[in-house]
Amino acid sequence: MLEKDRIKIDEFTSEIEKLARVSKEERFKDLRIKHVINHYYLPLILSEKEKIDYIKHVIKIKSEIDFIEKLERFLEKKKESISADWWLFSKIDEYFDEIFIPYYDPESNKIRKFRPDFIFWFSKGNEYFTVFVDPKGIKHIEFQHKVDWFRRFFEDDEKPKTFTYAGFKIKVFLFLFTEDVNKLPEGYKKYWFDNIEPIFNITNCKSMQS
């Protein structure tokens, strides 16, 4: 399959499809092919190297891989406690998905696109919850501008706006992940979390009520 470190794409695809059918996780070259329950596209492909150029659409950033591993551990222990009629999540693919939140970057004096790494969908009764998750960490200082513009679009008086469509009440949330929420400025702490559970508590949150 490997010839001078090059992979024939049809053979590579065939191998991934085989691995996806038979086990929770397999390894191939520098990649891990994983099944994570309720991921919209199966399987997930994770890279052990950040600089990988022979295949696109791979999760290769350490913070994203760490998030997936934390999510797996949570689901192994608490999957049955999730209070939703159904839920799904997906990695937002920068090559395919036109999903972003516009924000103003004062340093460059430009409108930029904030593309969170993951999106979750929860449905409970006639309520629908969309949750953006970005696990890049507080060292990315632009997060303040991104949060400010998220508030403009999806909040009123620091509470989620309610959008209605086809009989559903829809609310949108943003979760930013870090190793230690205590390092954050007070006005932004509610958007930051260092564990997975708050994502899955969103359908029970009192602030969700209209």
N, C-alpha and C. Protein backbone atom coordinates (compact mmCIF):
# COMPACT_ATOMS: atom_id res chain seq x y z
N MET A 1 0.83 -1.21 0.00
CA MET A 1 0.00 0.00 0.00
C MET A 1 0.86 1.25 0.00
N LEU A 2 1.95 1.22 0.72
CA LEU A 2 2.83 2.38 0.77
C LEU A 2 3.96 2.19 -0.21
N GLU A 3 4.15 3.17 -1.05
CA GLU A 3 5.22 3.11 -2.02
C GLU A 3 5.93 4.45 -2.03
N LYS A 4 7.17 4.45 -1.51
CA LYS A 4 7.93 5.69 -1.36
C LYS A 4 7.13 6.71 -0.56
N ASP A 5 6.50 6.21 0.53
CA ASP A 5 5.73 7.05 1.45
C ASP A 5 4.51 7.69 0.80
N ARG A 6 4.11 7.20 -0.35
CA ARG A 6 2.89 7.72 -0.98
C ARG A 6 1.80 6.66 -0.89
N ILE A 7 0.56 7.10 -0.73
CA ILE A 7 -0.56 6.19 -0.55
C ILE A 7 -1.51 6.32 -1.72
N LYS A 8 -1.85 5.20 -2.32
CA LYS A 8 -2.85 5.23 -3.37
C LYS A 8 -4.20 5.50 -2.72
N ILE A 9 -4.87 6.53 -3.15
CA ILE A 9 -6.05 7.01 -2.44
C ILE A 9 -7.17 5.98 -2.40
N ASP A 10 -7.36 5.20 -3.47
CA ASP A 10 -8.43 4.21 -3.45
C ASP A 10 -8.13 3.08 -2.46
N GLU A 11 -6.85 2.67 -2.37
CA GLU A 11 -6.48 1.64 -1.41
C GLU A 11 -6.60 2.18 0.01
N PHE A 12 -6.19 3.43 0.20
CA PHE A 12 -6.27 4.05 1.52
C PHE A 12 -7.73 4.13 1.98
N THR A 13 -8.61 4.57 1.08
CA THR A 13 -10.03 4.66 1.41
C THR A 13 -10.61 3.30 1.74
N SER A 14 -10.22 2.29 0.98
CA SER A 14 -10.70 0.94 1.22
C SER A 14 -10.30 0.44 2.60
N GLU A 15 -9.05 0.72 2.99
CA GLU A 15 -8.57 0.28 4.29
C GLU A 15 -9.33 0.96 5.42
N ILE A 16 -9.58 2.26 5.29
CA ILE A 16 -10.32 2.99 6.32
C ILE A 16 -11.73 2.44 6.46
N GLU A 17 -12.38 2.15 5.33
CA GLU A 17 -13.73 1.62 5.39
C GLU A 17 -13.76 0.26 6.09
N LYS A 18 -12.75 -0.56 5.84
CA LYS A 18 -12.68 -1.86 6.52
C LYS A 18 -12.52 -1.68 8.02
N LEU A 19 -11.60 -0.79 8.40
CA LEU A 19 -11.34 -0.56 9.82
C LEU A 19 -12.56 0.01 10.52
N ALA A 20 -13.28 0.88 9.83
CA ALA A 20 -14.45 1.51 10.44
C ALA A 20 -15.53 0.49 10.78
N ARG A 21 -15.57 -0.60 10.03
CA ARG A 21 -16.63 -1.58 10.26
C ARG A 21 -16.32 -2.54 11.40
N VAL A 22 -15.04 -2.70 11.74
CA VAL A 22 -14.71 -3.82 12.62
C VAL A 22 -14.33 -3.45 14.03
N SER A 23 -13.98 -2.22 14.34
CA SER A 23 -13.50 -1.95 15.69
C SER A 23 -13.71 -0.50 16.08
N LYS A 24 -13.54 -0.25 17.38
CA LYS A 24 -13.70 1.10 17.92
C LYS A 24 -12.54 2.00 17.49
N GLU A 25 -11.34 1.45 17.46
CA GLU A 25 -10.18 2.24 17.04
C GLU A 25 -9.15 1.34 16.40
N GLU A 26 -8.60 1.80 15.28
CA GLU A 26 -7.49 1.12 14.63
C GLU A 26 -6.45 2.16 14.25
N ARG A 27 -5.23 1.69 13.99
CA ARG A 27 -4.14 2.58 13.61
C ARG A 27 -3.67 2.25 12.21
N PHE A 28 -3.32 3.32 11.50
CA PHE A 28 -2.81 3.16 10.14
C PHE A 28 -1.81 4.27 9.88
N LYS A 29 -0.54 3.90 9.71
CA LYS A 29 0.52 4.88 9.56
C LYS A 29 0.48 5.85 10.74
N ASP A 30 0.33 7.16 10.52
CA ASP A 30 0.30 8.13 11.61
C ASP A 30 -1.13 8.48 12.02
N LEU A 31 -2.10 7.66 11.62
CA LEU A 31 -3.50 7.99 11.85
C LEU A 31 -4.15 7.02 12.82
N ARG A 32 -5.17 7.54 13.52
CA ARG A 32 -6.05 6.69 14.32
C ARG A 32 -7.45 6.83 13.74
N ILE A 33 -8.07 5.71 13.43
CA ILE A 33 -9.42 5.71 12.88
C ILE A 33 -10.35 5.29 14.01
N LYS A 34 -11.25 6.19 14.42
CA LYS A 34 -12.04 5.98 15.63
C LYS A 34 -13.53 6.05 15.35
N HIS A 35 -14.27 5.24 16.08
CA HIS A 35 -15.72 5.38 16.17
C HIS A 35 -16.05 6.13 17.45
N VAL A 36 -16.74 7.24 17.36
CA VAL A 36 -17.25 7.95 18.53
C VAL A 36 -18.76 8.03 18.34
N ILE A 37 -19.51 7.56 19.34
CA ILE A 37 -20.96 7.48 19.16
C ILE A 37 -21.56 8.84 18.84
N ASN A 38 -22.55 8.83 17.96
CA ASN A 38 -23.32 10.01 17.57
C ASN A 38 -22.51 11.05 16.80
N HIS A 39 -21.33 10.68 16.30
CA HIS A 39 -20.67 11.61 15.38
C HIS A 39 -21.36 11.51 14.03
N TYR A 40 -21.64 12.66 13.43
CA TYR A 40 -22.48 12.71 12.23
C TYR A 40 -21.86 11.92 11.08
N TYR A 41 -20.53 12.03 10.93
CA TYR A 41 -19.83 11.28 9.91
C TYR A 41 -18.97 10.22 10.59
N LEU A 42 -19.01 8.99 10.12
CA LEU A 42 -18.19 7.93 10.70
C LEU A 42 -17.25 7.40 9.63
N PRO A 43 -16.01 7.06 10.02
CA PRO A 43 -15.44 7.27 11.35
C PRO A 43 -14.76 8.63 11.44
N LEU A 44 -14.26 8.94 12.63
CA LEU A 44 -13.39 10.10 12.83
C LEU A 44 -11.96 9.68 12.52
N ILE A 45 -11.19 10.55 11.90
CA ILE A 45 -9.78 10.25 11.63
C ILE A 45 -8.92 11.26 12.38
N LEU A 46 -8.07 10.76 13.26
CA LEU A 46 -7.20 11.61 14.08
C LEU A 46 -5.76 11.35 13.69
N SER A 47 -4.96 12.40 13.64
CA SER A 47 -3.55 12.27 13.31
C SER A 47 -2.69 12.42 14.55
N GLU A 48 -1.61 11.66 14.61
CA GLU A 48 -0.65 11.79 15.70
C GLU A 48 0.38 12.87 15.41
N LYS A 49 0.32 13.44 14.21
CA LYS A 49 1.23 14.52 13.84
C LYS A 49 0.41 15.72 13.36
N GLU A 50 0.78 16.91 13.82
CA GLU A 50 0.04 18.10 13.38
C GLU A 50 0.33 18.43 11.92
N LYS A 51 1.52 18.11 11.45
CA LYS A 51 1.87 18.39 10.06
C LYS A 51 1.69 17.12 9.24
N ILE A 52 0.52 16.97 8.71
CA ILE A 52 0.21 15.81 7.88
C ILE A 52 -0.39 16.34 6.59
N ASP A 53 0.16 15.92 5.44
CA ASP A 53 -0.25 16.56 4.19
C ASP A 53 -0.73 15.58 3.14
N TYR A 54 -0.79 14.29 3.45
CA TYR A 54 -1.21 13.35 2.41
C TYR A 54 -2.69 13.05 2.44
N ILE A 55 -3.41 13.61 3.41
CA ILE A 55 -4.87 13.46 3.43
C ILE A 55 -5.46 14.64 4.18
N LYS A 56 -6.56 15.17 3.66
CA LYS A 56 -7.25 16.27 4.33
C LYS A 56 -8.36 15.72 5.21
N HIS A 57 -9.08 16.65 5.88
CA HIS A 57 -10.24 16.29 6.69
C HIS A 57 -9.86 15.37 7.86
N VAL A 58 -8.70 15.63 8.44
CA VAL A 58 -8.20 14.85 9.56
C VAL A 58 -8.12 15.75 10.79
N ILE A 59 -8.50 15.23 11.95
CA ILE A 59 -8.33 15.97 13.20
C ILE A 59 -6.89 15.80 13.64
N LYS A 60 -6.13 16.89 13.60
CA LYS A 60 -4.70 16.77 13.86
C LYS A 60 -4.17 17.77 14.89
N ILE A 61 -5.00 18.71 15.34
CA ILE A 61 -4.57 19.67 16.35
C ILE A 61 -4.73 19.05 17.73
N LYS A 62 -3.71 19.19 18.56
CA LYS A 62 -3.69 18.51 19.85
C LYS A 62 -4.92 18.84 20.70
N SER A 63 -5.31 20.12 20.74
CA SER A 63 -6.46 20.50 21.57
C SER A 63 -7.74 19.82 21.09
N GLU A 64 -7.88 19.61 19.79
CA GLU A 64 -9.06 18.94 19.25
C GLU A 64 -9.04 17.45 19.59
N ILE A 65 -7.87 16.84 19.48
CA ILE A 65 -7.74 15.42 19.83
C ILE A 65 -8.01 15.22 21.31
N ASP A 66 -7.47 16.10 22.15
CA ASP A 66 -7.72 16.02 23.60
C ASP A 66 -9.22 16.11 23.90
N PHE A 67 -9.90 17.00 23.18
CA PHE A 67 -11.35 17.15 23.39
C PHE A 67 -12.09 15.86 23.04
N ILE A 68 -11.76 15.26 21.91
CA ILE A 68 -12.41 14.01 21.50
C ILE A 68 -12.17 12.92 22.53
N GLU A 69 -10.97 12.85 23.07
CA GLU A 69 -10.67 11.82 24.06
C GLU A 69 -11.44 12.06 25.36
N LYS A 70 -11.57 13.33 25.77
CA LYS A 70 -12.38 13.65 26.95
C LYS A 70 -13.85 13.31 26.70
N LEU A 71 -14.32 13.61 25.50
CA LEU A 71 -15.70 13.30 25.14
C LEU A 71 -15.95 11.79 25.21
N GLU A 72 -15.02 11.00 24.70
CA GLU A 72 -15.16 9.55 24.76
C GLU A 72 -15.24 9.05 26.19
N ARG A 73 -14.37 9.58 27.05
CA ARG A 73 -14.38 9.14 28.45
C ARG A 73 -15.70 9.50 29.13
N PHE A 74 -16.21 10.70 28.81
CA PHE A 74 -17.50 11.10 29.38
C PHE A 74 -18.61 10.16 28.93
N LEU A 75 -18.66 9.86 27.64
CA LEU A 75 -19.73 9.03 27.10
C LEU A 75 -19.66 7.60 27.61
N GLU A 76 -18.47 7.11 27.86
CA GLU A 76 -18.33 5.76 28.41
C GLU A 76 -18.97 5.66 29.79
N LYS A 77 -18.92 6.75 30.56
CA LYS A 77 -19.41 6.72 31.94
C LYS A 77 -20.85 7.24 32.08
N LYS A 78 -21.23 8.23 31.24
CA LYS A 78 -22.48 8.94 31.51
C LYS A 78 -23.42 9.02 30.31
N LYS A 79 -23.22 8.17 29.33
CA LYS A 79 -24.05 8.22 28.13
C LYS A 79 -25.54 8.12 28.46
N GLU A 80 -25.89 7.26 29.42
CA GLU A 80 -27.30 7.03 29.73
C GLU A 80 -27.95 8.20 30.45
N SER A 81 -27.15 9.12 30.98
CA SER A 81 -27.72 10.24 31.74
C SER A 81 -28.05 11.44 30.85
N ILE A 82 -27.74 11.37 29.57
CA ILE A 82 -27.99 12.50 28.67
C ILE A 82 -29.49 12.70 28.48
N SER A 83 -29.97 13.91 28.77
CA SER A 83 -31.40 14.20 28.72
C SER A 83 -31.74 14.89 27.40
N ALA A 84 -31.99 14.08 26.38
CA ALA A 84 -32.35 14.62 25.06
C ALA A 84 -33.09 13.53 24.30
N ASP A 85 -34.01 13.95 23.42
CA ASP A 85 -34.68 12.97 22.56
C ASP A 85 -33.69 12.38 21.57
N TRP A 86 -32.82 13.22 21.07
CA TRP A 86 -31.70 12.76 20.25
C TRP A 86 -30.62 13.83 20.24
N TRP A 87 -29.41 13.43 19.92
CA TRP A 87 -28.31 14.39 19.79
C TRP A 87 -27.28 13.84 18.81
N LEU A 88 -26.58 14.78 18.18
CA LEU A 88 -25.49 14.45 17.26
C LEU A 88 -24.40 15.50 17.42
N PHE A 89 -23.20 15.17 16.96
CA PHE A 89 -22.17 16.20 16.89
C PHE A 89 -21.31 15.95 15.66
N SER A 90 -20.57 16.98 15.26
CA SER A 90 -19.70 16.85 14.10
C SER A 90 -18.50 17.77 14.22
N LYS A 91 -17.41 17.35 13.66
CA LYS A 91 -16.27 18.24 13.45
C LYS A 91 -16.64 19.17 12.30
N ILE A 92 -16.45 20.46 12.48
CA ILE A 92 -16.69 21.41 11.39
C ILE A 92 -15.48 21.40 10.47
N ASP A 93 -15.70 21.04 9.23
CA ASP A 93 -14.61 20.89 8.27
C ASP A 93 -14.39 22.21 7.53
N GLU A 94 -13.21 22.77 7.69
CA GLU A 94 -12.92 24.07 7.08
C GLU A 94 -12.93 24.02 5.56
N TYR A 95 -12.78 22.84 4.97
CA TYR A 95 -12.77 22.72 3.52
C TYR A 95 -14.18 22.61 2.93
N PHE A 96 -15.10 22.05 3.69
CA PHE A 96 -16.44 21.78 3.16
C PHE A 96 -17.54 22.65 3.77
N ASP A 97 -17.45 22.93 5.06
CA ASP A 97 -18.57 23.51 5.79
C ASP A 97 -18.49 25.03 5.84
N GLU A 98 -19.53 25.67 5.35
CA GLU A 98 -19.61 27.13 5.44
C GLU A 98 -20.34 27.51 6.72
N ILE A 99 -19.79 27.09 7.84
CA ILE A 99 -20.36 27.39 9.15
C ILE A 99 -19.37 28.27 9.89
N PHE A 100 -19.79 29.50 10.20
CA PHE A 100 -18.88 30.42 10.88
C PHE A 100 -19.69 31.53 11.53
N ILE A 101 -19.03 32.23 12.46
CA ILE A 101 -19.61 33.40 13.11
C ILE A 101 -18.74 34.59 12.74
N PRO A 102 -19.25 35.57 12.01
CA PRO A 102 -18.43 36.73 11.66
C PRO A 102 -18.11 37.57 12.88
N TYR A 103 -16.90 38.11 12.93
CA TYR A 103 -16.52 39.01 14.03
C TYR A 103 -15.53 40.04 13.52
N TYR A 104 -15.49 41.15 14.20
CA TYR A 104 -14.58 42.24 13.81
C TYR A 104 -13.26 42.09 14.56
N ASP A 105 -12.18 42.09 13.79
CA ASP A 105 -10.83 42.02 14.35
C ASP A 105 -10.21 43.42 14.30
N PRO A 106 -10.11 44.11 15.43
CA PRO A 106 -9.60 45.48 15.42
C PRO A 106 -8.13 45.58 15.04
N GLU A 107 -7.37 44.51 15.23
CA GLU A 107 -5.95 44.55 14.89
C GLU A 107 -5.75 44.69 13.38
N SER A 108 -6.56 43.98 12.62
CA SER A 108 -6.45 44.04 11.16
C SER A 108 -7.49 44.96 10.53
N ASN A 109 -8.43 45.45 11.37
CA ASN A 109 -9.54 46.27 10.88
C ASN A 109 -10.34 45.54 9.80
N LYS A 110 -10.61 44.26 10.06
CA LYS A 110 -11.34 43.44 9.10
C LYS A 110 -12.39 42.59 9.80
N ILE A 111 -13.41 42.23 9.03
CA ILE A 111 -14.37 41.22 9.49
C ILE A 111 -13.78 39.85 9.16
N ARG A 112 -13.65 39.01 10.18
CA ARG A 112 -13.10 37.67 10.00
C ARG A 112 -14.17 36.62 10.29
N LYS A 113 -13.82 35.37 10.03
CA LYS A 113 -14.74 34.26 10.25
C LYS A 113 -14.25 33.41 11.42
N PHE A 114 -15.07 33.34 12.45
CA PHE A 114 -14.79 32.45 13.58
C PHE A 114 -15.41 31.10 13.26
N ARG A 115 -14.57 30.10 13.10
CA ARG A 115 -15.03 28.75 12.78
C ARG A 115 -14.77 27.84 13.99
N PRO A 116 -15.74 27.65 14.86
CA PRO A 116 -15.54 26.71 15.97
C PRO A 116 -15.20 25.32 15.43
N ASP A 117 -14.51 24.54 16.23
CA ASP A 117 -14.05 23.23 15.76
C ASP A 117 -15.15 22.18 15.70
N PHE A 118 -16.12 22.27 16.61
CA PHE A 118 -17.16 21.24 16.68
C PHE A 118 -18.54 21.89 16.82
N ILE A 119 -19.55 21.15 16.39
CA ILE A 119 -20.93 21.58 16.57
C ILE A 119 -21.74 20.40 17.09
N PHE A 120 -22.58 20.67 18.09
CA PHE A 120 -23.48 19.67 18.67
C PHE A 120 -24.92 20.11 18.42
N TRP A 121 -25.79 19.13 18.21
CA TRP A 121 -27.22 19.40 18.09
C TRP A 121 -27.96 18.53 19.11
N PHE A 122 -28.87 19.16 19.85
CA PHE A 122 -29.71 18.44 20.81
C PHE A 122 -31.17 18.77 20.54
N SER A 123 -32.03 17.78 20.63
CA SER A 123 -33.46 18.00 20.50
C SER A 123 -34.16 17.42 21.72
N LYS A 124 -35.06 18.22 22.32
CA LYS A 124 -35.82 17.76 23.48
C LYS A 124 -37.20 18.40 23.40
N GLY A 125 -38.23 17.58 23.16
CA GLY A 125 -39.56 18.14 22.97
C GLY A 125 -39.58 19.07 21.78
N ASN A 126 -40.08 20.30 21.99
CA ASN A 126 -40.09 21.27 20.89
C ASN A 126 -38.93 22.25 20.99
N GLU A 127 -37.92 21.89 21.78
CA GLU A 127 -36.72 22.73 21.90
C GLU A 127 -35.56 22.11 21.14
N TYR A 128 -34.81 22.98 20.51
CA TYR A 128 -33.67 22.55 19.69
C TYR A 128 -32.47 23.39 20.11
N PHE A 129 -31.37 22.73 20.40
CA PHE A 129 -30.19 23.42 20.92
C PHE A 129 -29.01 23.19 19.98
N THR A 130 -28.42 24.27 19.53
CA THR A 130 -27.19 24.19 18.74
C THR A 130 -26.05 24.69 19.60
N VAL A 131 -25.00 23.90 19.71
CA VAL A 131 -23.89 24.24 20.60
C VAL A 131 -22.59 24.21 19.80
N PHE A 132 -21.93 25.37 19.72
CA PHE A 132 -20.60 25.44 19.12
C PHE A 132 -19.56 25.18 20.20
N VAL A 133 -18.55 24.40 19.87
CA VAL A 133 -17.49 24.08 20.82
C VAL A 133 -16.14 24.34 20.17
N ASP A 134 -15.31 25.10 20.87
CA ASP A 134 -13.97 25.40 20.35
C ASP A 134 -12.95 25.17 21.47
N PRO A 135 -12.07 24.18 21.32
CA PRO A 135 -11.14 23.84 22.40
C PRO A 135 -9.71 24.37 22.23
N LYS A 136 -9.55 25.54 21.63
CA LYS A 136 -8.19 26.00 21.32
C LYS A 136 -7.42 26.54 22.51
N GLY A 137 -8.10 27.03 23.55
CA GLY A 137 -7.39 27.52 24.72
C GLY A 137 -7.29 29.03 24.77
N ILE A 138 -6.98 29.54 25.99
CA ILE A 138 -7.01 30.99 26.22
C ILE A 138 -5.83 31.72 25.62
N LYS A 139 -4.81 31.01 25.15
CA LYS A 139 -3.67 31.70 24.55
C LYS A 139 -4.06 32.37 23.23
N HIS A 140 -5.20 31.98 22.67
CA HIS A 140 -5.70 32.63 21.46
C HIS A 140 -6.50 33.86 21.89
N ILE A 141 -5.81 34.98 21.99
CA ILE A 141 -6.38 36.20 22.59
C ILE A 141 -7.62 36.68 21.85
N GLU A 142 -7.73 36.39 20.58
CA GLU A 142 -8.88 36.85 19.81
C GLU A 142 -10.20 36.32 20.34
N PHE A 143 -10.16 35.39 21.28
CA PHE A 143 -11.41 34.80 21.76
C PHE A 143 -12.36 35.86 22.28
N GLN A 144 -11.84 36.96 22.84
CA GLN A 144 -12.72 37.99 23.39
C GLN A 144 -13.57 38.63 22.28
N HIS A 145 -12.95 38.92 21.15
CA HIS A 145 -13.69 39.50 20.02
C HIS A 145 -14.71 38.48 19.49
N LYS A 146 -14.32 37.22 19.43
CA LYS A 146 -15.23 36.18 18.93
C LYS A 146 -16.45 36.04 19.84
N VAL A 147 -16.21 36.04 21.15
CA VAL A 147 -17.32 35.93 22.10
C VAL A 147 -18.22 37.15 22.01
N ASP A 148 -17.63 38.33 21.91
CA ASP A 148 -18.42 39.56 21.83
C ASP A 148 -19.39 39.52 20.65
N TRP A 149 -18.90 39.04 19.52
CA TRP A 149 -19.77 39.00 18.33
C TRP A 149 -20.76 37.84 18.39
N PHE A 150 -20.39 36.76 19.03
CA PHE A 150 -21.37 35.70 19.28
C PHE A 150 -22.53 36.27 20.09
N ARG A 151 -22.23 37.06 21.11
CA ARG A 151 -23.27 37.68 21.93
C ARG A 151 -24.20 38.55 21.09
N ARG A 152 -23.62 39.30 20.17
CA ARG A 152 -24.43 40.19 19.32
C ARG A 152 -25.49 39.41 18.56
N PHE A 153 -25.11 38.25 18.04
CA PHE A 153 -26.02 37.48 17.20
C PHE A 153 -26.99 36.61 17.99
N PHE A 154 -26.54 36.07 19.11
CA PHE A 154 -27.30 34.99 19.74
C PHE A 154 -27.74 35.24 21.18
N GLU A 155 -27.51 36.45 21.70
CA GLU A 155 -27.92 36.73 23.07
C GLU A 155 -28.62 38.08 23.16
N ASP A 156 -29.49 38.19 24.17
CA ASP A 156 -30.10 39.45 24.59
C ASP A 156 -29.96 39.54 26.10
N ASP A 157 -29.37 40.63 26.57
CA ASP A 157 -29.19 40.82 28.02
C ASP A 157 -28.52 39.60 28.66
N GLU A 158 -27.50 39.09 27.99
CA GLU A 158 -26.69 37.97 28.48
C GLU A 158 -27.47 36.65 28.59
N LYS A 159 -28.62 36.58 27.94
CA LYS A 159 -29.38 35.34 27.90
C LYS A 159 -29.57 34.92 26.44
N PRO A 160 -29.67 33.61 26.18
CA PRO A 160 -29.82 33.15 24.80
C PRO A 160 -31.10 33.67 24.15
N LYS A 161 -30.98 34.14 22.92
CA LYS A 161 -32.17 34.48 22.14
C LYS A 161 -32.90 33.19 21.77
N THR A 162 -34.21 33.32 21.60
CA THR A 162 -35.01 32.19 21.13
C THR A 162 -35.44 32.45 19.69
N PHE A 163 -35.03 31.58 18.79
CA PHE A 163 -35.44 31.63 17.39
C PHE A 163 -36.51 30.56 17.18
N THR A 164 -37.47 30.83 16.34
CA THR A 164 -38.52 29.84 16.08
C THR A 164 -38.48 29.41 14.62
N TYR A 165 -38.66 28.10 14.42
CA TYR A 165 -38.68 27.56 13.06
C TYR A 165 -39.41 26.22 13.09
N ALA A 166 -40.42 26.10 12.23
CA ALA A 166 -41.16 24.84 12.07
C ALA A 166 -41.67 24.29 13.40
N GLY A 167 -42.10 25.20 14.27
CA GLY A 167 -42.64 24.78 15.55
C GLY A 167 -41.62 24.52 16.64
N PHE A 168 -40.34 24.70 16.32
CA PHE A 168 -39.28 24.49 17.31
C PHE A 168 -38.81 25.82 17.89
N LYS A 169 -38.42 25.80 19.15
CA LYS A 169 -37.73 26.91 19.80
C LYS A 169 -36.24 26.59 19.78
N ILE A 170 -35.47 27.47 19.17
CA ILE A 170 -34.06 27.17 18.91
C ILE A 170 -33.17 28.17 19.65
N LYS A 171 -32.17 27.65 20.35
CA LYS A 171 -31.20 28.50 21.03
C LYS A 171 -29.79 28.03 20.69
N VAL A 172 -28.87 28.98 20.70
CA VAL A 172 -27.50 28.70 20.28
C VAL A 172 -26.55 29.04 21.42
N PHE A 173 -25.58 28.16 21.64
CA PHE A 173 -24.63 28.32 22.73
C PHE A 173 -23.20 28.19 22.23
N LEU A 174 -22.29 28.76 23.00
CA LEU A 174 -20.87 28.67 22.67
C LEU A 174 -20.10 28.16 23.89
N PHE A 175 -19.30 27.12 23.68
CA PHE A 175 -18.45 26.57 24.72
C PHE A 175 -17.00 26.62 24.25
N LEU A 176 -16.16 27.25 25.05
CA LEU A 176 -14.73 27.29 24.78
C LEU A 176 -14.03 26.46 25.85
N PHE A 177 -13.12 25.61 25.44
CA PHE A 177 -12.49 24.70 26.40
C PHE A 177 -11.06 25.10 26.70
N THR A 178 -10.71 24.99 27.98
CA THR A 178 -9.36 25.30 28.44
C THR A 178 -9.00 24.33 29.55
N GLU A 179 -7.74 24.31 29.93
CA GLU A 179 -7.31 23.42 31.01
C GLU A 179 -7.67 23.99 32.38
N ASP A 180 -7.78 25.32 32.49
CA ASP A 180 -8.01 25.93 33.80
C ASP A 180 -8.84 27.20 33.64
N VAL A 181 -10.11 27.15 34.01
CA VAL A 181 -10.99 28.31 33.84
C VAL A 181 -10.62 29.46 34.77
N ASN A 182 -9.84 29.20 35.81
CA ASN A 182 -9.48 30.25 36.77
C ASN A 182 -8.54 31.29 36.18
N LYS A 183 -7.96 31.02 35.02
CA LYS A 183 -7.03 31.96 34.40
C LYS A 183 -7.75 32.98 33.52
N LEU A 184 -9.06 32.92 33.48
CA LEU A 184 -9.82 33.74 32.54
C LEU A 184 -10.36 35.01 33.17
N PRO A 185 -10.55 36.08 32.36
CA PRO A 185 -11.20 37.29 32.86
C PRO A 185 -12.65 37.01 33.22
N GLU A 186 -13.15 37.68 34.26
CA GLU A 186 -14.46 37.39 34.82
C GLU A 186 -15.59 37.46 33.79
N GLY A 187 -15.58 38.48 32.94
CA GLY A 187 -16.69 38.67 32.02
C GLY A 187 -16.86 37.58 30.98
N TYR A 188 -15.86 36.69 30.87
CA TYR A 188 -15.91 35.65 29.83
C TYR A 188 -15.94 34.23 30.39
N LYS A 189 -15.89 34.11 31.71
CA LYS A 189 -15.77 32.78 32.31
C LYS A 189 -16.93 31.86 31.98
N LYS A 190 -18.13 32.42 31.81
CA LYS A 190 -19.28 31.54 31.60
C LYS A 190 -19.22 30.80 30.27
N TYR A 191 -18.36 31.25 29.36
CA TYR A 191 -18.23 30.59 28.07
C TYR A 191 -17.17 29.49 28.08
N TRP A 192 -16.39 29.44 29.16
CA TRP A 192 -15.25 28.54 29.21
C TRP A 192 -15.49 27.41 30.18
N PHE A 193 -15.02 26.22 29.79
CA PHE A 193 -15.20 25.04 30.62
C PHE A 193 -13.96 24.17 30.51
N ASP A 194 -13.71 23.41 31.58
CA ASP A 194 -12.57 22.49 31.56
C ASP A 194 -13.02 21.04 31.70
N ASN A 195 -14.33 20.80 31.49
CA ASN A 195 -14.84 19.43 31.45
C ASN A 195 -16.01 19.36 30.48
N ILE A 196 -16.36 18.16 30.10
CA ILE A 196 -17.34 17.94 29.04
C ILE A 196 -18.79 18.09 29.51
N GLU A 197 -19.05 17.80 30.74
CA GLU A 197 -20.43 17.66 31.23
C GLU A 197 -21.35 18.84 30.94
N PRO A 198 -20.90 20.11 31.06
CA PRO A 198 -21.82 21.23 30.80
C PRO A 198 -22.47 21.20 29.41
N ILE A 199 -21.78 20.65 28.43
CA ILE A 199 -22.38 20.55 27.09
C ILE A 199 -23.66 19.73 27.15
N PHE A 200 -23.62 18.65 27.90
CA PHE A 200 -24.75 17.72 27.93
C PHE A 200 -25.79 18.11 28.97
N ASN A 201 -25.48 19.12 29.77
CA ASN A 201 -26.47 19.65 30.71
C ASN A 201 -27.29 20.79 30.11
N ILE A 202 -26.99 21.15 28.88
CA ILE A 202 -27.59 22.33 28.28
C ILE A 202 -29.11 22.20 28.17
N THR A 203 -29.62 21.00 27.99
CA THR A 203 -31.07 20.83 27.85
C THR A 203 -31.80 20.94 29.18
N ASN A 204 -31.06 20.93 30.29
CA ASN A 204 -31.67 21.05 31.62
C ASN A 204 -31.44 22.41 32.26
N CYS A 205 -30.73 23.28 31.56
CA CYS A 205 -30.33 24.57 32.13
C CYS A 205 -31.55 25.48 32.28
N LYS A 206 -31.74 26.05 33.47
CA LYS A 206 -32.89 26.91 33.72
C LYS A 206 -32.88 28.15 32.84
N SER A 207 -31.68 28.62 32.49
CA SER A 207 -31.60 29.82 31.65
C SER A 207 -32.12 29.56 30.25
N MET A 208 -32.36 28.27 29.92
CA MET A 208 -32.89 27.94 28.60
C MET A 208 -34.37 28.26 28.50
N GLN A 209 -35.03 28.37 29.62
CA GLN A 209 -36.48 28.55 29.57
C GLN A 209 -36.84 29.94 29.04
N SER A 210 -37.88 30.00 28.23
CA SER A 210 -38.31 31.28 27.66
C SER A 210 -38.96 32.15 28.71
